[in-house]
Amino acid sequence: MTGAPWTASVLTLFPEMFPGPLGHSLAGRALANGLWRLEASDIRGFATDRHHMVDDTPAGGGPGMVMKPDVIARAIDAAKAGLPAAPALYLSPRGRPLDQERVRALAEGPGVILLCGRFEGVDQRVIDGRGLEEVSIGDFVLSGGEPAALCLIDAVVRLIPGVMGAAETLAEESFTGDLLEYPHYTRPTEWEGRQVPDVLLSGHHGRIRSWRREQAERLTRERRPDLWSRYLARQGGGMRPTDTNPISVSRKD
């Protein structure tokens, strides 16, 4: 391996939450083998007062506490000193939705700096002053940014060469080419009256590829109309043959 490995620098009030699940399975083995690096820094270490205060009451009143801009700025600046070319992201429910395209872009860079918020959030001045990119993993609210950071890191790490093994595994996953992934089956061929589709047992690789594509298109059309519209646009706006002439398969539902 040449050059420095991809690095995740996490700024958090709970560094003990890392690596957490990232220390297991594929990501864990890759971490142990040096394919990527993880740095978890305690934000409290950047507070300068005797009580190591990282938050204060909201300006204008209201519930909860807000993370202080001076403390957060020092934490970000320290992380930037080690990863000057890495983007700094703030995990926030009001951020831009994280998608596979952004994940791929992050995987191609040197790493990422992740700010995990707590309480009511972070003072807007440090978000603006340090050019933080706000990123959301979904339309729901968590108690802090740490679970979101774990999700983001996992999504990126599996794209690092050498982590997943077979390139075909990544090529056929959901969101590759704007399609959801096709259904999977294994033995036994019959389970509780439900059969593995005959086409998957045929040994005809061309028919299997066509069936999988048709299933991926069907699932995307039914479940993610946003992705389906984007997929059609990439295909020139027309319907593919699998949309109008799907392969007939025998299957008990």
C-alpha atoms as a PDB file:
ATOM      1  CA  MET A   1       0.000   0.000   0.000  1.00  0.00           C
ATOM      2  CA  THR A   2       1.399   3.443  -0.925  1.00  0.00           C
ATOM      3  CA  GLY A   3       0.730   6.736   0.799  1.00  0.00           C
ATOM      4  CA  ALA A   4      -1.176   7.364   3.987  1.00  0.00           C
ATOM      5  CA  PRO A   5      -4.313   5.275   4.548  1.00  0.00           C
ATOM      6  CA  TRP A   6      -7.766   6.824   4.436  1.00  0.00           C
ATOM      7  CA  THR A   7      -8.357   8.418   7.838  1.00  0.00           C
ATOM      8  CA  ALA A   8     -11.504   9.213   9.810  1.00  0.00           C
ATOM      9  CA  SER A   9     -10.922  11.900  12.438  1.00  0.00           C
ATOM     10  CA  VAL A  10     -13.915  11.991  14.785  1.00  0.00           C
ATOM     11  CA  LEU A  11     -14.549  14.879  17.179  1.00  0.00           C
ATOM     12  CA  THR A  12     -16.835  13.692  19.958  1.00  0.00           C
ATOM     13  CA  LEU A  13     -17.694  13.977  23.631  1.00  0.00           C
ATOM     14  CA  PHE A  14     -17.663  10.172  23.789  1.00  0.00           C
ATOM     15  CA  PRO A  15     -14.473   8.854  22.141  1.00  0.00           C
ATOM     16  CA  GLU A  16     -15.023   5.523  23.886  1.00  0.00           C
ATOM     17  CA  MET A  17     -17.854   4.862  21.399  1.00  0.00           C
ATOM     18  CA  PHE A  18     -15.199   4.302  18.720  1.00  0.00           C
ATOM     19  CA  PRO A  19     -14.354   2.065  16.978  1.00  0.00           C
ATOM     20  CA  GLY A  20     -17.408   0.255  18.375  1.00  0.00           C
ATOM     21  CA  PRO A  21     -18.881  -1.927  15.628  1.00  0.00           C
ATOM     22  CA  LEU A  22     -16.201  -0.669  13.236  1.00  0.00           C
ATOM     23  CA  GLY A  23     -13.724  -2.793  15.170  1.00  0.00           C
ATOM     24  CA  HIS A  24     -15.405  -5.977  13.954  1.00  0.00           C
ATOM     25  CA  SER A  25     -15.872  -7.921  10.716  1.00  0.00           C
ATOM     26  CA  LEU A  26     -14.530  -6.451   7.457  1.00  0.00           C
ATOM     27  CA  ALA A  27     -14.015  -2.912   8.743  1.00  0.00           C
ATOM     28  CA  GLY A  28     -12.286  -4.201  11.868  1.00  0.00           C
ATOM     29  CA  ARG A  29      -9.904  -6.439   9.942  1.00  0.00           C
ATOM     30  CA  ALA A  30      -9.131  -3.608   7.536  1.00  0.00           C
ATOM     31  CA  LEU A  31      -8.457  -1.294  10.490  1.00  0.00           C
ATOM     32  CA  ALA A  32      -6.115  -3.847  12.077  1.00  0.00           C
ATOM     33  CA  ASN A  33      -4.335  -4.337   8.745  1.00  0.00           C
ATOM     34  CA  GLY A  34      -3.761  -0.624   8.254  1.00  0.00           C
ATOM     35  CA  LEU A  35      -6.067  -0.145   5.265  1.00  0.00           C
ATOM     36  CA  TRP A  36      -7.651   2.797   7.074  1.00  0.00           C
ATOM     37  CA  ARG A  37      -7.106   4.778  10.273  1.00  0.00           C
ATOM     38  CA  LEU A  38      -9.431   6.037  13.002  1.00  0.00           C
ATOM     39  CA  GLU A  39      -8.769   8.945  15.340  1.00  0.00           C
ATOM     40  CA  ALA A  40     -11.357   9.759  18.016  1.00  0.00           C
ATOM     41  CA  SER A  41     -10.667  13.025  19.855  1.00  0.00           C
ATOM     42  CA  ASP A  42     -12.455  14.160  23.010  1.00  0.00           C
ATOM     43  CA  ILE A  43     -13.897  17.635  22.443  1.00  0.00           C
ATOM     44  CA  ARG A  44     -13.604  18.374  26.167  1.00  0.00           C
ATOM     45  CA  GLY A  45      -9.850  18.326  25.766  1.00  0.00           C
ATOM     46  CA  PHE A  46     -10.126  21.574  23.794  1.00  0.00           C
ATOM     47  CA  ALA A  47     -11.965  23.473  26.534  1.00  0.00           C
ATOM     48  CA  THR A  48      -9.713  25.919  28.384  1.00  0.00           C
ATOM     49  CA  ASP A  49     -11.694  26.662  31.552  1.00  0.00           C
ATOM     50  CA  ARG A  50     -11.182  24.723  34.757  1.00  0.00           C
ATOM     51  CA  HIS A  51     -14.478  22.836  34.364  1.00  0.00           C
ATOM     52  CA  HIS A  52     -13.863  21.911  30.701  1.00  0.00           C
ATOM     53  CA  MET A  53     -17.196  23.373  29.660  1.00  0.00           C
ATOM     54  CA  VAL A  54     -18.177  22.613  26.074  1.00  0.00           C
ATOM     55  CA  ASP A  55     -21.710  24.058  26.064  1.00  0.00           C
ATOM     56  CA  ASP A  56     -23.752  27.030  27.244  1.00  0.00           C
ATOM     57  CA  THR A  57     -27.353  28.249  27.262  1.00  0.00           C
ATOM     58  CA  PRO A  58     -28.955  29.264  23.940  1.00  0.00           C
ATOM     59  CA  ALA A  59     -28.851  32.936  22.987  1.00  0.00           C
ATOM     60  CA  GLY A  60     -32.439  34.226  22.970  1.00  0.00           C
ATOM     61  CA  GLY A  61     -33.571  31.586  25.441  1.00  0.00           C
ATOM     62  CA  GLY A  62     -35.073  28.184  24.888  1.00  0.00           C
ATOM     63  CA  PRO A  63     -34.486  24.635  26.066  1.00  0.00           C
ATOM     64  CA  GLY A  64     -31.245  22.717  26.179  1.00  0.00           C
ATOM     65  CA  MET A  65     -27.651  23.739  25.671  1.00  0.00           C
ATOM     66  CA  VAL A  66     -25.557  24.703  22.640  1.00  0.00           C
ATOM     67  CA  MET A  67     -21.978  23.586  21.960  1.00  0.00           C
ATOM     68  CA  LYS A  68     -19.562  26.521  22.224  1.00  0.00           C
ATOM     69  CA  PRO A  69     -17.924  27.858  19.038  1.00  0.00           C
ATOM     70  CA  ASP A  70     -14.475  28.483  20.529  1.00  0.00           C
ATOM     71  CA  VAL A  71     -14.123  24.936  21.842  1.00  0.00           C
ATOM     72  CA  ILE A  72     -15.384  23.370  18.621  1.00  0.00           C
ATOM     73  CA  ALA A  73     -13.124  25.607  16.511  1.00  0.00           C
ATOM     74  CA  ARG A  74     -10.033  24.486  18.410  1.00  0.00           C
ATOM     75  CA  ALA A  75     -11.005  20.844  17.942  1.00  0.00           C
ATOM     76  CA  ILE A  76     -11.557  21.318  14.211  1.00  0.00           C
ATOM     77  CA  ASP A  77      -8.319  23.258  13.764  1.00  0.00           C
ATOM     78  CA  ALA A  78      -6.358  20.502  15.475  1.00  0.00           C
ATOM     79  CA  ALA A  79      -7.948  17.862  13.246  1.00  0.00           C
ATOM     80  CA  LYS A  80      -7.303  19.988  10.158  1.00  0.00           C
ATOM     81  CA  ALA A  81      -3.624  20.234  11.072  1.00  0.00           C
ATOM     82  CA  GLY A  82      -3.374  16.468  10.675  1.00  0.00           C
ATOM     83  CA  LEU A  83      -5.736  16.193   7.685  1.00  0.00           C
ATOM     84  CA  PRO A  84      -5.454  19.517   5.844  1.00  0.00           C
ATOM     85  CA  ALA A  85      -7.051  18.243   2.625  1.00  0.00           C
ATOM     86  CA  ALA A  86      -9.943  16.379   4.257  1.00  0.00           C
ATOM     87  CA  PRO A  87     -13.468  17.837   4.284  1.00  0.00           C
ATOM     88  CA  ALA A  88     -14.988  18.661   7.672  1.00  0.00           C
ATOM     89  CA  LEU A  89     -18.526  17.327   8.116  1.00  0.00           C
ATOM     90  CA  TYR A  90     -21.030  18.048  10.862  1.00  0.00           C
ATOM     91  CA  LEU A  91     -23.553  15.242  11.388  1.00  0.00           C
ATOM     92  CA  SER A  92     -26.898  17.032  11.593  1.00  0.00           C
ATOM     93  CA  PRO A  93     -30.559  16.129  10.881  1.00  0.00           C
ATOM     94  CA  ARG A  94     -30.894  19.353   8.890  1.00  0.00           C
ATOM     95  CA  GLY A  95     -27.929  18.486   6.674  1.00  0.00           C
ATOM     96  CA  ARG A  96     -27.862  17.363   3.080  1.00  0.00           C
ATOM     97  CA  PRO A  97     -28.864  13.682   2.843  1.00  0.00           C
ATOM     98  CA  LEU A  98     -25.882  11.368   2.618  1.00  0.00           C
ATOM     99  CA  ASP A  99     -26.012   9.232  -0.513  1.00  0.00           C
ATOM    100  CA  GLN A 100     -23.777   6.699  -2.217  1.00  0.00           C
ATOM    101  CA  GLU A 101     -22.408   9.294  -4.620  1.00  0.00           C
ATOM    102  CA  ARG A 102     -21.125  11.409  -1.718  1.00  0.00           C
ATOM    103  CA  VAL A 103     -19.786   8.283  -0.002  1.00  0.00           C
ATOM    104  CA  ARG A 104     -17.799   7.376  -3.114  1.00  0.00           C
ATOM    105  CA  ALA A 105     -16.376  10.894  -3.283  1.00  0.00           C
ATOM    106  CA  LEU A 106     -15.278  10.680   0.356  1.00  0.00           C
ATOM    107  CA  ALA A 107     -13.649   7.294  -0.250  1.00  0.00           C
ATOM    108  CA  GLU A 108     -11.557   8.782  -3.054  1.00  0.00           C
ATOM    109  CA  GLY A 109     -10.138  11.482  -0.768  1.00  0.00           C
ATOM    110  CA  PRO A 110      -7.541  11.356   2.015  1.00  0.00           C
ATOM    111  CA  GLY A 111     -10.130  11.022   4.754  1.00  0.00           C
ATOM    112  CA  VAL A 112     -12.788  12.992   6.598  1.00  0.00           C
ATOM    113  CA  ILE A 113     -13.193  15.042   9.769  1.00  0.00           C
ATOM    114  CA  LEU A 114     -16.496  14.303  11.508  1.00  0.00           C
ATOM    115  CA  LEU A 115     -17.986  16.562  14.165  1.00  0.00           C
ATOM    116  CA  CYS A 116     -20.502  14.769  16.376  1.00  0.00           C
ATOM    117  CA  GLY A 117     -22.944  17.215  17.921  1.00  0.00           C
ATOM    118  CA  ARG A 118     -24.827  16.855  21.187  1.00  0.00           C
ATOM    119  CA  PHE A 119     -27.464  18.816  23.124  1.00  0.00           C
ATOM    120  CA  GLU A 120     -29.323  21.312  20.880  1.00  0.00           C
ATOM    121  CA  GLY A 121     -26.473  21.389  18.402  1.00  0.00           C
ATOM    122  CA  VAL A 122     -23.465  23.558  17.548  1.00  0.00           C
ATOM    123  CA  ASP A 123     -23.168  27.355  17.503  1.00  0.00           C
ATOM    124  CA  GLN A 124     -23.878  28.433  13.912  1.00  0.00           C
ATOM    125  CA  ARG A 125     -20.851  30.726  13.869  1.00  0.00           C
ATOM    126  CA  VAL A 126     -18.386  27.864  13.950  1.00  0.00           C
ATOM    127  CA  ILE A 127     -20.346  26.004  11.265  1.00  0.00           C
ATOM    128  CA  ASP A 128     -20.016  29.061   9.033  1.00  0.00           C
ATOM    129  CA  GLY A 129     -16.553  30.103  10.165  1.00  0.00           C
ATOM    130  CA  ARG A 130     -14.954  26.711   9.584  1.00  0.00           C
ATOM    131  CA  GLY A 131     -16.982  25.874   6.486  1.00  0.00           C
ATOM    132  CA  LEU A 132     -18.525  22.732   7.918  1.00  0.00           C
ATOM    133  CA  GLU A 133     -20.638  20.651   5.551  1.00  0.00           C
ATOM    134  CA  GLU A 134     -23.809  19.511   7.301  1.00  0.00           C
ATOM    135  CA  VAL A 135     -24.728  15.922   6.467  1.00  0.00           C
ATOM    136  CA  SER A 136     -27.767  13.863   7.503  1.00  0.00           C
ATOM    137  CA  ILE A 137     -28.192  10.082   7.404  1.00  0.00           C
ATOM    138  CA  GLY A 138     -31.987  10.287   7.436  1.00  0.00           C
ATOM    139  CA  ASP A 139     -35.112  12.169   8.388  1.00  0.00           C
ATOM    140  CA  PHE A 140     -34.968  11.329  12.073  1.00  0.00           C
ATOM    141  CA  VAL A 141     -33.240  12.700  15.172  1.00  0.00           C
ATOM    142  CA  LEU A 142     -30.576  10.921  17.229  1.00  0.00           C
ATOM    143  CA  SER A 143     -29.249  11.764  20.685  1.00  0.00           C
ATOM    144  CA  GLY A 144     -25.901  12.639  19.135  1.00  0.00           C
ATOM    145  CA  GLY A 145     -23.850  12.450  15.974  1.00  0.00           C
ATOM    146  CA  GLU A 146     -21.838   9.384  16.965  1.00  0.00           C
ATOM    147  CA  PRO A 147     -24.176   6.708  15.508  1.00  0.00           C
ATOM    148  CA  ALA A 148     -24.373   8.721  12.285  1.00  0.00           C
ATOM    149  CA  ALA A 149     -20.581   8.976  12.172  1.00  0.00           C
ATOM    150  CA  LEU A 150     -20.296   5.198  12.563  1.00  0.00           C
ATOM    151  CA  CYS A 151     -22.715   4.710   9.658  1.00  0.00           C
ATOM    152  CA  LEU A 152     -20.858   7.138   7.419  1.00  0.00           C
ATOM    153  CA  ILE A 153     -17.453   5.638   8.171  1.00  0.00           C
ATOM    154  CA  ASP A 154     -18.705   2.100   7.551  1.00  0.00           C
ATOM    155  CA  ALA A 155     -20.190   3.138   4.204  1.00  0.00           C
ATOM    156  CA  VAL A 156     -16.880   4.678   3.123  1.00  0.00           C
ATOM    157  CA  VAL A 157     -14.504   2.035   4.462  1.00  0.00           C
ATOM    158  CA  ARG A 158     -16.141  -0.784   2.516  1.00  0.00           C
ATOM    159  CA  LEU A 159     -15.259   1.081  -0.703  1.00  0.00           C
ATOM    160  CA  ILE A 160     -11.543   1.221   0.126  1.00  0.00           C
ATOM    161  CA  PRO A 161      -9.621  -1.193  -2.128  1.00  0.00           C
ATOM    162  CA  GLY A 162      -8.846  -4.444  -0.353  1.00  0.00           C
ATOM    163  CA  VAL A 163     -11.592  -4.195   2.262  1.00  0.00           C
ATOM    164  CA  MET A 164     -14.433  -6.056   0.528  1.00  0.00           C
ATOM    165  CA  GLY A 165     -12.477  -8.435  -1.673  1.00  0.00           C
ATOM    166  CA  ALA A 166     -14.425  -9.162  -4.871  1.00  0.00           C
ATOM    167  CA  ALA A 167     -15.093  -6.017  -6.899  1.00  0.00           C
ATOM    168  CA  GLU A 168     -18.311  -7.598  -8.189  1.00  0.00           C
ATOM    169  CA  THR A 169     -19.768  -7.376  -4.672  1.00  0.00           C
ATOM    170  CA  LEU A 170     -19.657  -3.581  -4.806  1.00  0.00           C
ATOM    171  CA  ALA A 171     -20.686  -3.355  -8.449  1.00  0.00           C
ATOM    172  CA  GLU A 172     -24.069  -5.022  -7.842  1.00  0.00           C
ATOM    173  CA  GLU A 173     -25.104  -3.336  -4.588  1.00  0.00           C
ATOM    174  CA  SER A 174     -28.009  -0.971  -4.046  1.00  0.00           C
ATOM    175  CA  PHE A 175     -27.540   2.568  -5.404  1.00  0.00           C
ATOM    176  CA  THR A 176     -24.951   1.444  -7.952  1.00  0.00           C
ATOM    177  CA  GLY A 177     -26.279   2.970 -11.162  1.00  0.00           C
ATOM    178  CA  ASP A 178     -29.253   4.407  -9.207  1.00  0.00           C
ATOM    179  CA  LEU A 179     -30.902   0.994  -8.749  1.00  0.00           C
ATOM    180  CA  LEU A 180     -31.745  -0.897  -5.574  1.00  0.00           C
ATOM    181  CA  GLU A 181     -30.201  -4.333  -5.295  1.00  0.00           C
ATOM    182  CA  TYR A 182     -32.034  -7.408  -6.583  1.00  0.00           C
ATOM    183  CA  PRO A 183     -33.350 -10.097  -4.151  1.00  0.00           C
ATOM    184  CA  HIS A 184     -31.008 -12.865  -2.968  1.00  0.00           C
ATOM    185  CA  TYR A 185     -31.705 -16.568  -2.414  1.00  0.00           C
ATOM    186  CA  THR A 186     -29.757 -19.604  -1.201  1.00  0.00           C
ATOM    187  CA  ARG A 187     -30.402 -23.233  -0.197  1.00  0.00           C
ATOM    188  CA  PRO A 188     -32.753 -24.909   0.481  1.00  0.00           C
ATOM    189  CA  THR A 189     -34.524 -24.439  -2.857  1.00  0.00           C
ATOM    190  CA  GLU A 190     -37.902 -24.800  -1.105  1.00  0.00           C
ATOM    191  CA  TRP A 191     -38.648 -23.287   2.300  1.00  0.00           C
ATOM    192  CA  GLU A 192     -42.117 -23.135   3.881  1.00  0.00           C
ATOM    193  CA  GLY A 193     -43.667 -23.578   0.455  1.00  0.00           C
ATOM    194  CA  ARG A 194     -41.632 -20.775  -1.104  1.00  0.00           C
ATOM    195  CA  GLN A 195     -39.349 -21.605  -4.019  1.00  0.00           C
ATOM    196  CA  VAL A 196     -36.117 -20.141  -5.261  1.00  0.00           C
ATOM    197  CA  PRO A 197     -37.029 -18.649  -8.670  1.00  0.00           C
ATOM    198  CA  ASP A 198     -36.417 -21.233 -11.395  1.00  0.00           C
ATOM    199  CA  VAL A 199     -34.286 -18.856 -13.440  1.00  0.00           C
ATOM    200  CA  LEU A 200     -31.664 -18.754 -10.672  1.00  0.00           C
ATOM    201  CA  LEU A 201     -31.352 -22.543 -10.838  1.00  0.00           C
ATOM    202  CA  SER A 202     -31.177 -22.681 -14.631  1.00  0.00           C
ATOM    203  CA  GLY A 203     -27.429 -22.150 -14.961  1.00  0.00           C
ATOM    204  CA  HIS A 204     -28.158 -19.731 -17.834  1.00  0.00           C
ATOM    205  CA  HIS A 205     -26.032 -16.733 -16.903  1.00  0.00           C
ATOM    206  CA  GLY A 206     -27.601 -14.424 -19.465  1.00  0.00           C
ATOM    207  CA  ARG A 207     -31.118 -15.112 -18.198  1.00  0.00           C
ATOM    208  CA  ILE A 208     -29.954 -14.734 -14.598  1.00  0.00           C
ATOM    209  CA  ARG A 209     -28.402 -11.337 -15.337  1.00  0.00           C
ATOM    210  CA  SER A 210     -31.566 -10.197 -17.091  1.00  0.00           C
ATOM    211  CA  TRP A 211     -33.775 -11.402 -14.230  1.00  0.00           C
ATOM    212  CA  ARG A 212     -31.655  -9.628 -11.643  1.00  0.00           C
ATOM    213  CA  ARG A 213     -31.742  -6.415 -13.644  1.00  0.00           C
ATOM    214  CA  GLU A 214     -35.523  -6.653 -14.024  1.00  0.00           C
ATOM    215  CA  GLN A 215     -35.947  -7.241 -10.292  1.00  0.00           C
ATOM    216  CA  ALA A 216     -33.666  -4.326  -9.435  1.00  0.00           C
ATOM    217  CA  GLU A 217     -35.666  -2.062 -11.728  1.00  0.00           C
ATOM    218  CA  ARG A 218     -38.981  -3.288 -10.298  1.00  0.00           C
ATOM    219  CA  LEU A 219     -37.920  -2.697  -6.691  1.00  0.00           C
ATOM    220  CA  THR A 220     -36.527   0.733  -7.494  1.00  0.00           C
ATOM    221  CA  ARG A 221     -39.679   1.731  -9.380  1.00  0.00           C
ATOM    222  CA  GLU A 222     -41.918   0.582  -6.495  1.00  0.00           C
ATOM    223  CA  ARG A 223     -39.890   1.787  -3.505  1.00  0.00           C
ATOM    224  CA  ARG A 224     -37.760   4.710  -4.631  1.00  0.00           C
ATOM    225  CA  PRO A 225     -39.428   6.809  -7.344  1.00  0.00           C
ATOM    226  CA  ASP A 226     -36.718   9.436  -6.855  1.00  0.00           C
ATOM    227  CA  LEU A 227     -34.003   6.970  -7.824  1.00  0.00           C
ATOM    228  CA  TRP A 228     -36.169   5.543 -10.605  1.00  0.00           C
ATOM    229  CA  SER A 229     -36.581   8.972 -12.201  1.00  0.00           C
ATOM    230  CA  ARG A 230     -32.841   9.565 -12.016  1.00  0.00           C
ATOM    231  CA  TYR A 231     -32.164   6.125 -13.464  1.00  0.00           C
ATOM    232  CA  LEU A 232     -34.489   6.766 -16.408  1.00  0.00           C
ATOM    233  CA  ALA A 233     -32.833  10.120 -17.012  1.00  0.00           C
ATOM    234  CA  ARG A 234     -29.449   8.406 -17.182  1.00  0.00           C
ATOM    235  CA  GLN A 235     -30.893   5.935 -19.690  1.00  0.00           C
ATOM    236  CA  GLY A 236     -32.014   8.781 -21.929  1.00  0.00           C
ATOM    237  CA  GLY A 237     -35.530   9.078 -20.509  1.00  0.00           C
ATOM    238  CA  GLY A 238     -36.863   5.909 -22.103  1.00  0.00           C
ATOM    239  CA  MET A 239     -37.965   2.576 -20.683  1.00  0.00           C
ATOM    240  CA  ARG A 240     -35.555  -0.326 -20.839  1.00  0.00           C
ATOM    241  CA  PRO A 241     -36.590  -3.626 -22.446  1.00  0.00           C
ATOM    242  CA  THR A 242     -36.923  -5.229 -19.025  1.00  0.00           C
ATOM    243  CA  ASP A 243     -39.664  -2.735 -18.140  1.00  0.00           C
ATOM    244  CA  THR A 244     -41.922  -3.842 -20.976  1.00  0.00           C
ATOM    245  CA  ASN A 245     -40.905  -7.463 -21.420  1.00  0.00           C
ATOM    246  CA  PRO A 246     -39.919  -8.917 -18.062  1.00  0.00           C
ATOM    247  CA  ILE A 247     -38.668 -12.478 -17.917  1.00  0.00           C
ATOM    248  CA  SER A 248     -41.309 -14.898 -16.710  1.00  0.00           C
ATOM    249  CA  VAL A 249     -40.200 -16.923 -13.709  1.00  0.00           C
ATOM    250  CA  SER A 250     -41.867 -19.548 -11.554  1.00  0.00           C
ATOM    251  CA  ARG A 251     -42.126 -18.476  -7.941  1.00  0.00           C
ATOM    252  CA  LYS A 252     -44.449 -19.116  -5.027  1.00  0.00           C
ATOM    253  CA  ASP A 253     -45.016 -16.081  -2.796  1.00  0.00           C
END
